[in-house]
C-alpha atoms as a PDB file:
ATOM      1  CA  UNK A   1      24.252  29.029 -91.643  1.00  0.00           C
ATOM      2  CA  UNK A   2      24.143  28.656 -87.757  1.00  0.00           C
ATOM      3  CA  UNK A   3      22.057  30.878 -85.535  1.00  0.00           C
ATOM      4  CA  UNK A   4      25.362  32.223 -83.948  1.00  0.00           C
ATOM      5  CA  UNK A   5      26.684  33.157 -87.398  1.00  0.00           C
ATOM      6  CA  UNK A   6      23.477  34.978 -88.270  1.00  0.00           C
ATOM      7  CA  UNK A   7      23.484  36.763 -85.031  1.00  0.00           C
ATOM      8  CA  UNK A   8      27.128  38.014 -85.511  1.00  0.00           C
ATOM      9  CA  UNK A   9      26.279  39.180 -89.046  1.00  0.00           C
ATOM     10  CA  UNK A  10      23.209  41.133 -87.853  1.00  0.00           C
ATOM     11  CA  UNK A  11      25.048  42.701 -84.993  1.00  0.00           C
ATOM     12  CA  UNK A  12      27.765  43.974 -87.384  1.00  0.00           C
ATOM     13  CA  UNK A  13      25.328  45.587 -89.825  1.00  0.00           C
ATOM     14  CA  UNK A  14      24.840  49.430 -89.637  1.00  0.00           C
ATOM     15  CA  UNK A  15      21.347  50.800 -89.380  1.00  0.00           C
ATOM     16  CA  UNK A  16      21.713  52.098 -92.921  1.00  0.00           C
ATOM     17  CA  UNK A  17      22.624  48.615 -94.248  1.00  0.00           C
ATOM     18  CA  UNK A  18      19.639  47.136 -92.389  1.00  0.00           C
ATOM     19  CA  UNK A  19      17.367  49.730 -93.947  1.00  0.00           C
ATOM     20  CA  UNK A  20      18.743  49.169 -97.470  1.00  0.00           C
ATOM     21  CA  UNK A  21      18.304  45.381 -97.099  1.00  0.00           C
ATOM     22  CA  UNK A  22      14.727  45.839 -95.852  1.00  0.00           C
ATOM     23  CA  UNK A  23      14.038  48.109 -98.800  1.00  0.00           C
ATOM     24  CA  UNK A  24      15.416  45.494-101.230  1.00  0.00           C
ATOM     25  CA  UNK A  25      13.138  42.892 -99.629  1.00  0.00           C
ATOM     26  CA  UNK A  26      10.109  45.140 -99.797  1.00  0.00           C
ATOM     27  CA  UNK A  27      10.779  45.799-103.448  1.00  0.00           C
ATOM     28  CA  UNK A  28      11.114  42.181-104.218  1.00  0.00           C
ATOM     29  CA  UNK A  29       8.025  41.136-102.255  1.00  0.00           C
ATOM     30  CA  UNK A  30       5.999  43.813-104.054  1.00  0.00           C
ATOM     31  CA  UNK A  31       6.363  42.209-107.432  1.00  0.00           C
ATOM     32  CA  UNK A  32       3.458  40.355-108.944  1.00  0.00           C
ATOM     33  CA  UNK A  33       5.728  37.304-109.449  1.00  0.00           C
ATOM     34  CA  UNK A  34       6.690  37.122-105.759  1.00  0.00           C
ATOM     35  CA  UNK A  35       3.010  37.570-104.731  1.00  0.00           C
ATOM     36  CA  UNK A  36       1.989  34.769-107.048  1.00  0.00           C
ATOM     37  CA  UNK A  37       4.675  32.491-105.548  1.00  0.00           C
ATOM     38  CA  UNK A  38       3.786  33.308-101.962  1.00  0.00           C
ATOM     39  CA  UNK A  39       0.186  32.556-102.678  1.00  0.00           C
ATOM     40  CA  UNK A  40       1.129  29.192-104.373  1.00  0.00           C
ATOM     41  CA  UNK A  41       3.311  28.339-101.316  1.00  0.00           C
ATOM     42  CA  UNK A  42       0.592  29.242 -98.847  1.00  0.00           C
ATOM     43  CA  UNK A  43      -2.045  27.258-100.812  1.00  0.00           C
ATOM     44  CA  UNK A  44       0.285  24.169-100.748  1.00  0.00           C
ATOM     45  CA  UNK A  45       0.904  24.607 -96.992  1.00  0.00           C
ATOM     46  CA  UNK A  46      -2.781  24.790 -96.370  1.00  0.00           C
ATOM     47  CA  UNK A  47      -3.464  21.665 -98.512  1.00  0.00           C
ATOM     48  CA  UNK A  48      -0.789  19.790 -96.511  1.00  0.00           C
ATOM     49  CA  UNK A  49      -2.304  20.992 -93.310  1.00  0.00           C
ATOM     50  CA  UNK A  50      -5.814  19.891 -94.278  1.00  0.00           C
ATOM     51  CA  UNK A  51      -4.571  16.488 -95.489  1.00  0.00           C
ATOM     52  CA  UNK A  52      -2.966  15.884 -92.066  1.00  0.00           C
ATOM     53  CA  UNK A  53       0.596  16.052 -93.437  1.00  0.00           C
ATOM     54  CA  UNK A  54       1.880  18.524 -90.960  1.00  0.00           C
ATOM     55  CA  UNK A  55       2.850  18.342 -87.277  1.00  0.00           C
ATOM     56  CA  UNK A  56       3.155  20.783 -84.465  1.00  0.00           C
ATOM     57  CA  UNK A  57       6.424  22.499 -83.771  1.00  0.00           C
ATOM     58  CA  UNK A  58       7.848  23.496 -80.361  1.00  0.00           C
ATOM     59  CA  UNK A  59      10.264  26.480 -79.691  1.00  0.00           C
ATOM     60  CA  UNK A  60      12.541  27.450 -76.836  1.00  0.00           C
ATOM     61  CA  UNK A  61      12.196  30.686 -75.147  1.00  0.00           C
ATOM     62  CA  UNK A  62      14.881  32.222 -77.504  1.00  0.00           C
ATOM     63  CA  UNK A  63      13.103  31.068 -80.598  1.00  0.00           C
ATOM     64  CA  UNK A  64      14.975  27.976 -81.489  1.00  0.00           C
ATOM     65  CA  UNK A  65      13.131  24.878 -82.725  1.00  0.00           C
ATOM     66  CA  UNK A  66      13.027  22.099 -80.142  1.00  0.00           C
ATOM     67  CA  UNK A  67      14.400  18.800 -81.572  1.00  0.00           C
ATOM     68  CA  UNK A  68      11.874  15.906 -81.631  1.00  0.00           C
END
């Protein structure tokens, strides 16, 4: 999904829809299963960083990734 498409979707959501969506994400992230998965992913990312398998990223002023 392109950034413009996401922006259009976000702009058309009501405040109530955004709050309901945030509540669903909060509930999902509060589960033990989600926390375990997040911890595993964080540990994998740190291992890759310490092994020199990562590279810096650059971003534009509007938050887009600068292509290499």
